[in-house]
Amino acid sequence: MRSNSVPIYAIVELLIRLEEYNPKIGNYKDHAITEKNVRVTTSTGHILFPLSLVMNQFHSPEAIDETTLKLMAVSYTPV
C-alpha cells in the first residue's frame, strides 16, 4: 500500500459500522486524503475520519470502541 493511500474497504466497513448509529450516512462514493484525515463522500453527505481510525479499522477493527463509533456517526454532515 502506498503511503498516500488507504484501503477503500476499511472506509466502507467503517461506514457500515456507523450506520448502526446513524442510518442516514449513505453509501461510499469517494474519498480524499489529507495529512491526518480522510474526507469521505457518501451518497447522502460527507464525513471526516482521522486517518488513524481508518488504519485501525484495517489492522485491528475490534480495537475501535462503541464511543468512538458514536462520535464519528454524529460528525456526519448531510448534503
PDB file of N, CA and C in Angstrom:
ATOM      1  N   MET A   1       0.845  -1.181   0.000  1.00  0.00           N
ATOM      2  CA  MET A   1       0.000   0.000   0.000  1.00  0.00           C
ATOM      3  C   MET A   1       0.887   1.240   0.000  1.00  0.00           C
ATOM      4  N   ARG A   2       0.620   2.158  -0.868  1.00  0.00           N
ATOM      5  CA  ARG A   2       1.366   3.411  -0.926  1.00  0.00           C
ATOM      6  C   ARG A   2       1.057   4.247   0.304  1.00  0.00           C
ATOM      7  N   SER A   3       1.998   5.104   0.684  1.00  0.00           N
ATOM      8  CA  SER A   3       1.820   5.919   1.881  1.00  0.00           C
ATOM      9  C   SER A   3       0.678   6.927   1.745  1.00  0.00           C
ATOM     10  N   ASN A   4       0.305   7.289   0.519  1.00  0.00           N
ATOM     11  CA  ASN A   4      -0.774   8.265   0.331  1.00  0.00           C
ATOM     12  C   ASN A   4      -2.105   7.599  -0.006  1.00  0.00           C
ATOM     13  N   SER A   5      -2.210   6.314   0.281  1.00  0.00           N
ATOM     14  CA  SER A   5      -3.462   5.622   0.006  1.00  0.00           C
ATOM     15  C   SER A   5      -3.952   4.896   1.253  1.00  0.00           C
ATOM     16  N   VAL A   6      -5.210   4.598   1.247  1.00  0.00           N
ATOM     17  CA  VAL A   6      -5.813   3.812   2.325  1.00  0.00           C
ATOM     18  C   VAL A   6      -6.658   2.723   1.678  1.00  0.00           C
ATOM     19  N   PRO A   7      -6.844   1.607   2.371  1.00  0.00           N
ATOM     20  CA  PRO A   7      -7.695   0.558   1.808  1.00  0.00           C
ATOM     21  C   PRO A   7      -9.162   1.005   1.804  1.00  0.00           C
ATOM     22  N   ILE A   8      -9.733   1.087   0.625  1.00  0.00           N
ATOM     23  CA  ILE A   8     -11.114   1.567   0.491  1.00  0.00           C
ATOM     24  C   ILE A   8     -12.077   0.705   1.296  1.00  0.00           C
ATOM     25  N   TYR A   9     -11.830  -0.601   1.329  1.00  0.00           N
ATOM     26  CA  TYR A   9     -12.778  -1.446   2.055  1.00  0.00           C
ATOM     27  C   TYR A   9     -12.785  -1.139   3.549  1.00  0.00           C
ATOM     28  N   ALA A  10     -11.700  -0.608   4.109  1.00  0.00           N
ATOM     29  CA  ALA A  10     -11.705  -0.207   5.521  1.00  0.00           C
ATOM     30  C   ALA A  10     -12.642   0.985   5.717  1.00  0.00           C
ATOM     31  N   ILE A  11     -12.666   1.893   4.750  1.00  0.00           N
ATOM     32  CA  ILE A  11     -13.581   3.034   4.809  1.00  0.00           C
ATOM     33  C   ILE A  11     -15.021   2.538   4.714  1.00  0.00           C
ATOM     34  N   VAL A  12     -15.270   1.637   3.777  1.00  0.00           N
ATOM     35  CA  VAL A  12     -16.624   1.093   3.595  1.00  0.00           C
ATOM     36  C   VAL A  12     -17.067   0.358   4.863  1.00  0.00           C
ATOM     37  N   GLU A  13     -16.175  -0.401   5.456  1.00  0.00           N
ATOM     38  CA  GLU A  13     -16.510  -1.105   6.697  1.00  0.00           C
ATOM     39  C   GLU A  13     -16.855  -0.124   7.813  1.00  0.00           C
ATOM     40  N   LEU A  14     -16.112   0.964   7.907  1.00  0.00           N
ATOM     41  CA  LEU A  14     -16.446   1.978   8.916  1.00  0.00           C
ATOM     42  C   LEU A  14     -17.828   2.567   8.673  1.00  0.00           C
ATOM     43  N   LEU A  15     -18.132   2.869   7.421  1.00  0.00           N
ATOM     44  CA  LEU A  15     -19.462   3.404   7.110  1.00  0.00           C
ATOM     45  C   LEU A  15     -20.555   2.422   7.503  1.00  0.00           C
ATOM     46  N   ILE A  16     -20.332   1.150   7.236  1.00  0.00           N
ATOM     47  CA  ILE A  16     -21.314   0.127   7.612  1.00  0.00           C
ATOM     48  C   ILE A  16     -21.489   0.084   9.125  1.00  0.00           C
ATOM     49  N   ARG A  17     -20.390   0.149   9.843  1.00  0.00           N
ATOM     50  CA  ARG A  17     -20.465   0.137  11.306  1.00  0.00           C
ATOM     51  C   ARG A  17     -21.191   1.378  11.833  1.00  0.00           C
ATOM     52  N   LEU A  18     -20.982   2.525  11.193  1.00  0.00           N
ATOM     53  CA  LEU A  18     -21.609   3.759  11.656  1.00  0.00           C
ATOM     54  C   LEU A  18     -23.098   3.808  11.376  1.00  0.00           C
ATOM     55  N   GLU A  19     -23.548   3.053  10.382  1.00  0.00           N
ATOM     56  CA  GLU A  19     -24.982   3.034  10.059  1.00  0.00           C
ATOM     57  C   GLU A  19     -25.839   2.587  11.245  1.00  0.00           C
ATOM     58  N   GLU A  20     -25.264   1.812  12.139  1.00  0.00           N
ATOM     59  CA  GLU A  20     -25.997   1.381  13.334  1.00  0.00           C
ATOM     60  C   GLU A  20     -26.384   2.586  14.191  1.00  0.00           C
ATOM     61  N   TYR A  21     -25.556   3.624  14.175  1.00  0.00           N
ATOM     62  CA  TYR A  21     -25.774   4.813  14.996  1.00  0.00           C
ATOM     63  C   TYR A  21     -26.381   5.970  14.209  1.00  0.00           C
ATOM     64  N   ASN A  22     -26.231   5.937  12.889  1.00  0.00           N
ATOM     65  CA  ASN A  22     -26.803   6.970  12.045  1.00  0.00           C
ATOM     66  C   ASN A  22     -27.139   6.361  10.681  1.00  0.00           C
ATOM     67  N   PRO A  23     -28.369   5.870  10.505  1.00  0.00           N
ATOM     68  CA  PRO A  23     -28.741   5.190   9.268  1.00  0.00           C
ATOM     69  C   PRO A  23     -28.782   6.095   8.029  1.00  0.00           C
ATOM     70  N   LYS A  24     -28.619   7.400   8.199  1.00  0.00           N
ATOM     71  CA  LYS A  24     -28.668   8.325   7.065  1.00  0.00           C
ATOM     72  C   LYS A  24     -27.309   8.543   6.406  1.00  0.00           C
ATOM     73  N   ILE A  25     -26.265   7.893   6.878  1.00  0.00           N
ATOM     74  CA  ILE A  25     -24.906   8.129   6.373  1.00  0.00           C
ATOM     75  C   ILE A  25     -24.770   7.845   4.886  1.00  0.00           C
ATOM     76  N   GLY A  26     -25.409   6.833   4.386  1.00  0.00           N
ATOM     77  CA  GLY A  26     -25.357   6.546   2.947  1.00  0.00           C
ATOM     78  C   GLY A  26     -24.193   5.655   2.563  1.00  0.00           C
ATOM     79  N   ASN A  27     -24.044   5.453   1.264  1.00  0.00           N
ATOM     80  CA  ASN A  27     -23.035   4.551   0.716  1.00  0.00           C
ATOM     81  C   ASN A  27     -21.791   5.309   0.266  1.00  0.00           C
ATOM     82  N   TYR A  28     -20.668   4.621   0.308  1.00  0.00           N
ATOM     83  CA  TYR A  28     -19.384   5.190  -0.116  1.00  0.00           C
ATOM     84  C   TYR A  28     -19.461   5.647  -1.577  1.00  0.00           C
ATOM     85  N   LYS A  29     -18.940   6.836  -1.841  1.00  0.00           N
ATOM     86  CA  LYS A  29     -18.829   7.353  -3.212  1.00  0.00           C
ATOM     87  C   LYS A  29     -17.370   7.647  -3.571  1.00  0.00           C
ATOM     88  N   ASP A  30     -16.656   8.330  -2.673  1.00  0.00           N
ATOM     89  CA  ASP A  30     -15.294   8.764  -2.960  1.00  0.00           C
ATOM     90  C   ASP A  30     -14.621   9.183  -1.653  1.00  0.00           C
ATOM     91  N   HIS A  31     -13.306   9.387  -1.728  1.00  0.00           N
ATOM     92  CA  HIS A  31     -12.602   9.913  -0.566  1.00  0.00           C
ATOM     93  C   HIS A  31     -11.392  10.723  -1.009  1.00  0.00           C
ATOM     94  N   ALA A  32     -10.935  11.592  -0.112  1.00  0.00           N
ATOM     95  CA  ALA A  32      -9.730  12.388  -0.329  1.00  0.00           C
ATOM     96  C   ALA A  32      -8.914  12.321   0.956  1.00  0.00           C
ATOM     97  N   ILE A  33      -7.614  12.165   0.792  1.00  0.00           N
ATOM     98  CA  ILE A  33      -6.724  12.015   1.939  1.00  0.00           C
ATOM     99  C   ILE A  33      -5.933  13.297   2.152  1.00  0.00           C
ATOM    100  N   THR A  34      -5.919  13.766   3.403  1.00  0.00           N
ATOM    101  CA  THR A  34      -5.034  14.862   3.789  1.00  0.00           C
ATOM    102  C   THR A  34      -3.965  14.262   4.695  1.00  0.00           C
ATOM    103  N   GLU A  35      -3.174  15.101   5.287  1.00  0.00           N
ATOM    104  CA  GLU A  35      -2.080  14.610   6.126  1.00  0.00           C
ATOM    105  C   GLU A  35      -2.574  13.738   7.284  1.00  0.00           C
ATOM    106  N   LYS A  36      -3.686  14.133   7.908  1.00  0.00           N
ATOM    107  CA  LYS A  36      -4.160  13.414   9.096  1.00  0.00           C
ATOM    108  C   LYS A  36      -5.587  12.896   8.995  1.00  0.00           C
ATOM    109  N   ASN A  37      -6.284  13.202   7.900  1.00  0.00           N
ATOM    110  CA  ASN A  37      -7.695  12.855   7.800  1.00  0.00           C
ATOM    111  C   ASN A  37      -8.040  12.252   6.448  1.00  0.00           C
ATOM    112  N   VAL A  38      -9.194  11.610   6.432  1.00  0.00           N
ATOM    113  CA  VAL A  38      -9.766  11.086   5.196  1.00  0.00           C
ATOM    114  C   VAL A  38     -11.176  11.661   5.104  1.00  0.00           C
ATOM    115  N   ARG A  39     -11.412  12.488   4.082  1.00  0.00           N
ATOM    116  CA  ARG A  39     -12.742  13.058   3.882  1.00  0.00           C
ATOM    117  C   ARG A  39     -13.490  12.128   2.939  1.00  0.00           C
ATOM    118  N   VAL A  40     -14.564  11.553   3.449  1.00  0.00           N
ATOM    119  CA  VAL A  40     -15.317  10.556   2.706  1.00  0.00           C
ATOM    120  C   VAL A  40     -16.630  11.168   2.227  1.00  0.00           C
ATOM    121  N   THR A  41     -16.874  11.050   0.945  1.00  0.00           N
ATOM    122  CA  THR A  41     -18.138  11.476   0.361  1.00  0.00           C
ATOM    123  C   THR A  41     -19.018  10.243   0.237  1.00  0.00           C
ATOM    124  N   THR A  42     -20.257  10.383   0.712  1.00  0.00           N
ATOM    125  CA  THR A  42     -21.214   9.289   0.607  1.00  0.00           C
ATOM    126  C   THR A  42     -22.347   9.710  -0.328  1.00  0.00           C
ATOM    127  N   SER A  43     -23.277   8.817  -0.524  1.00  0.00           N
ATOM    128  CA  SER A  43     -24.412   9.109  -1.394  1.00  0.00           C
ATOM    129  C   SER A  43     -25.343  10.175  -0.808  1.00  0.00           C
ATOM    130  N   THR A  44     -25.162  10.499   0.483  1.00  0.00           N
ATOM    131  CA  THR A  44     -26.048  11.472   1.119  1.00  0.00           C
ATOM    132  C   THR A  44     -25.331  12.619   1.820  1.00  0.00           C
ATOM    133  N   GLY A  45     -24.003  12.616   1.818  1.00  0.00           N
ATOM    134  CA  GLY A  45     -23.273  13.683   2.503  1.00  0.00           C
ATOM    135  C   GLY A  45     -21.788  13.389   2.572  1.00  0.00           C
ATOM    136  N   HIS A  46     -21.167  13.813   3.688  1.00  0.00           N
ATOM    137  CA  HIS A  46     -19.747  13.525   3.869  1.00  0.00           C
ATOM    138  C   HIS A  46     -19.401  13.396   5.352  1.00  0.00           C
ATOM    139  N   ILE A  47     -18.253  12.783   5.606  1.00  0.00           N
ATOM    140  CA  ILE A  47     -17.774  12.582   6.962  1.00  0.00           C
ATOM    141  C   ILE A  47     -16.254  12.624   6.932  1.00  0.00           C
ATOM    142  N   LEU A  48     -15.664  13.141   7.990  1.00  0.00           N
ATOM    143  CA  LEU A  48     -14.220  13.255   8.093  1.00  0.00           C
ATOM    144  C   LEU A  48     -13.722  12.251   9.125  1.00  0.00           C
ATOM    145  N   PHE A  49     -12.934  11.298   8.665  1.00  0.00           N
ATOM    146  CA  PHE A  49     -12.346  10.299   9.548  1.00  0.00           C
ATOM    147  C   PHE A  49     -10.890  10.654   9.817  1.00  0.00           C
ATOM    148  N   PRO A  50     -10.435  10.518  11.046  1.00  0.00           N
ATOM    149  CA  PRO A  50      -8.989  10.587  11.260  1.00  0.00           C
ATOM    150  C   PRO A  50      -8.337   9.426  10.500  1.00  0.00           C
ATOM    151  N   LEU A  51      -7.225   9.692   9.873  1.00  0.00           N
ATOM    152  CA  LEU A  51      -6.516   8.647   9.139  1.00  0.00           C
ATOM    153  C   LEU A  51      -6.200   7.469  10.058  1.00  0.00           C
ATOM    154  N   SER A  52      -5.877   7.761  11.309  1.00  0.00           N
ATOM    155  CA  SER A  52      -5.563   6.703  12.269  1.00  0.00           C
ATOM    156  C   SER A  52      -6.758   5.770  12.493  1.00  0.00           C
ATOM    157  N   LEU A  53      -7.970   6.304  12.452  1.00  0.00           N
ATOM    158  CA  LEU A  53      -9.158   5.472  12.634  1.00  0.00           C
ATOM    159  C   LEU A  53      -9.335   4.508  11.460  1.00  0.00           C
ATOM    160  N   VAL A  54      -9.133   4.998  10.261  1.00  0.00           N
ATOM    161  CA  VAL A  54      -9.240   4.137   9.073  1.00  0.00           C
ATOM    162  C   VAL A  54      -8.193   3.023   9.150  1.00  0.00           C
ATOM    163  N   MET A  55      -6.988   3.377   9.554  1.00  0.00           N
ATOM    164  CA  MET A  55      -5.934   2.370   9.655  1.00  0.00           C
ATOM    165  C   MET A  55      -6.219   1.380  10.792  1.00  0.00           C
ATOM    166  N   ASN A  56      -6.833   1.843  11.879  1.00  0.00           N
ATOM    167  CA  ASN A  56      -7.258   0.922  12.944  1.00  0.00           C
ATOM    168  C   ASN A  56      -8.312  -0.047  12.429  1.00  0.00           C
ATOM    169  N   GLN A  57      -9.234   0.451  11.628  1.00  0.00           N
ATOM    170  CA  GLN A  57     -10.254  -0.420  11.041  1.00  0.00           C
ATOM    171  C   GLN A  57      -9.598  -1.473  10.162  1.00  0.00           C
ATOM    172  N   PHE A  58      -8.548  -1.108   9.462  1.00  0.00           N
ATOM    173  CA  PHE A  58      -7.831  -2.026   8.581  1.00  0.00           C
ATOM    174  C   PHE A  58      -7.054  -3.072   9.377  1.00  0.00           C
ATOM    175  N   HIS A  59      -6.340  -2.633  10.402  1.00  0.00           N
ATOM    176  CA  HIS A  59      -5.447  -3.530  11.129  1.00  0.00           C
ATOM    177  C   HIS A  59      -6.079  -4.214  12.338  1.00  0.00           C
ATOM    178  N   SER A  60      -6.962  -3.506  13.026  1.00  0.00           N
ATOM    179  CA  SER A  60      -7.473  -4.028  14.294  1.00  0.00           C
ATOM    180  C   SER A  60      -8.867  -3.468  14.590  1.00  0.00           C
ATOM    181  N   PRO A  61      -9.864  -3.843  13.793  1.00  0.00           N
ATOM    182  CA  PRO A  61     -11.197  -3.242  13.950  1.00  0.00           C
ATOM    183  C   PRO A  61     -11.819  -3.462  15.330  1.00  0.00           C
ATOM    184  N   GLU A  62     -11.462  -4.552  15.980  1.00  0.00           N
ATOM    185  CA  GLU A  62     -12.022  -4.825  17.305  1.00  0.00           C
ATOM    186  C   GLU A  62     -11.542  -3.821  18.351  1.00  0.00           C
ATOM    187  N   ALA A  63     -10.494  -3.080  18.054  1.00  0.00           N
ATOM    188  CA  ALA A  63      -9.966  -2.085  18.992  1.00  0.00           C
ATOM    189  C   ALA A  63     -10.753  -0.774  18.967  1.00  0.00           C
ATOM    190  N   ILE A  64     -11.637  -0.614  17.993  1.00  0.00           N
ATOM    191  CA  ILE A  64     -12.443   0.614  17.901  1.00  0.00           C
ATOM    192  C   ILE A  64     -13.671   0.439  18.774  1.00  0.00           C
ATOM    193  N   ASP A  65     -13.776   1.277  19.796  1.00  0.00           N
ATOM    194  CA  ASP A  65     -14.869   1.115  20.755  1.00  0.00           C
ATOM    195  C   ASP A  65     -16.147   1.814  20.292  1.00  0.00           C
ATOM    196  N   GLU A  66     -17.216   1.484  20.968  1.00  0.00           N
ATOM    197  CA  GLU A  66     -18.546   1.998  20.631  1.00  0.00           C
ATOM    198  C   GLU A  66     -18.617   3.517  20.772  1.00  0.00           C
ATOM    199  N   THR A  67     -17.945   4.065  21.774  1.00  0.00           N
ATOM    200  CA  THR A  67     -17.948   5.514  21.971  1.00  0.00           C
ATOM    201  C   THR A  67     -17.361   6.234  20.762  1.00  0.00           C
ATOM    202  N   THR A  68     -16.263   5.721  20.240  1.00  0.00           N
ATOM    203  CA  THR A  68     -15.638   6.312  19.055  1.00  0.00           C
ATOM    204  C   THR A  68     -16.578   6.251  17.864  1.00  0.00           C
ATOM    205  N   LEU A  69     -17.232   5.120  17.677  1.00  0.00           N
ATOM    206  CA  LEU A  69     -18.164   4.971  16.564  1.00  0.00           C
ATOM    207  C   LEU A  69     -19.332   5.953  16.689  1.00  0.00           C
ATOM    208  N   LYS A  70     -19.855   6.112  17.887  1.00  0.00           N
ATOM    209  CA  LYS A  70     -20.964   7.045  18.098  1.00  0.00           C
ATOM    210  C   LYS A  70     -20.541   8.480  17.800  1.00  0.00           C
ATOM    211  N   LEU A  71     -19.338   8.849  18.246  1.00  0.00           N
ATOM    212  CA  LEU A  71     -18.838  10.201  17.981  1.00  0.00           C
ATOM    213  C   LEU A  71     -18.656  10.447  16.487  1.00  0.00           C
ATOM    214  N   MET A  72     -18.151   9.459  15.787  1.00  0.00           N
ATOM    215  CA  MET A  72     -17.974   9.601  14.348  1.00  0.00           C
ATOM    216  C   MET A  72     -19.333   9.702  13.649  1.00  0.00           C
ATOM    217  N   ALA A  73     -20.298   8.933  14.092  1.00  0.00           N
ATOM    218  CA  ALA A  73     -21.624   8.936  13.466  1.00  0.00           C
ATOM    219  C   ALA A  73     -22.294  10.302  13.569  1.00  0.00           C
ATOM    220  N   VAL A  74     -22.103  10.992  14.693  1.00  0.00           N
ATOM    221  CA  VAL A  74     -22.737  12.315  14.835  1.00  0.00           C
ATOM    222  C   VAL A  74     -21.964  13.398  14.092  1.00  0.00           C
ATOM    223  N   SER A  75     -20.744  13.088  13.640  1.00  0.00           N
ATOM    224  CA  SER A  75     -19.977  14.088  12.895  1.00  0.00           C
ATOM    225  C   SER A  75     -20.323  14.107  11.409  1.00  0.00           C
ATOM    226  N   TYR A  76     -21.156  13.186  10.982  1.00  0.00           N
ATOM    227  CA  TYR A  76     -21.610  13.116   9.587  1.00  0.00           C
ATOM    228  C   TYR A  76     -22.363  14.395   9.217  1.00  0.00           C
ATOM    229  N   THR A  77     -22.098  14.897   8.012  1.00  0.00           N
ATOM    230  CA  THR A  77     -22.776  16.101   7.524  1.00  0.00           C
ATOM    231  C   THR A  77     -23.572  15.750   6.268  1.00  0.00           C
ATOM    232  N   PRO A  78     -24.909  15.848   6.317  1.00  0.00           N
ATOM    233  CA  PRO A  78     -25.707  15.568   5.107  1.00  0.00           C
ATOM    234  C   PRO A  78     -25.563  16.693   4.093  1.00  0.00           C
ATOM    235  N   VAL A  79     -25.893  16.369   2.850  1.00  0.00           N
ATOM    236  CA  VAL A  79     -25.843  17.395   1.797  1.00  0.00           C
ATOM    237  C   VAL A  79     -27.146  18.129   1.725  1.00  0.00           C
TER     238      VAL A  79
END
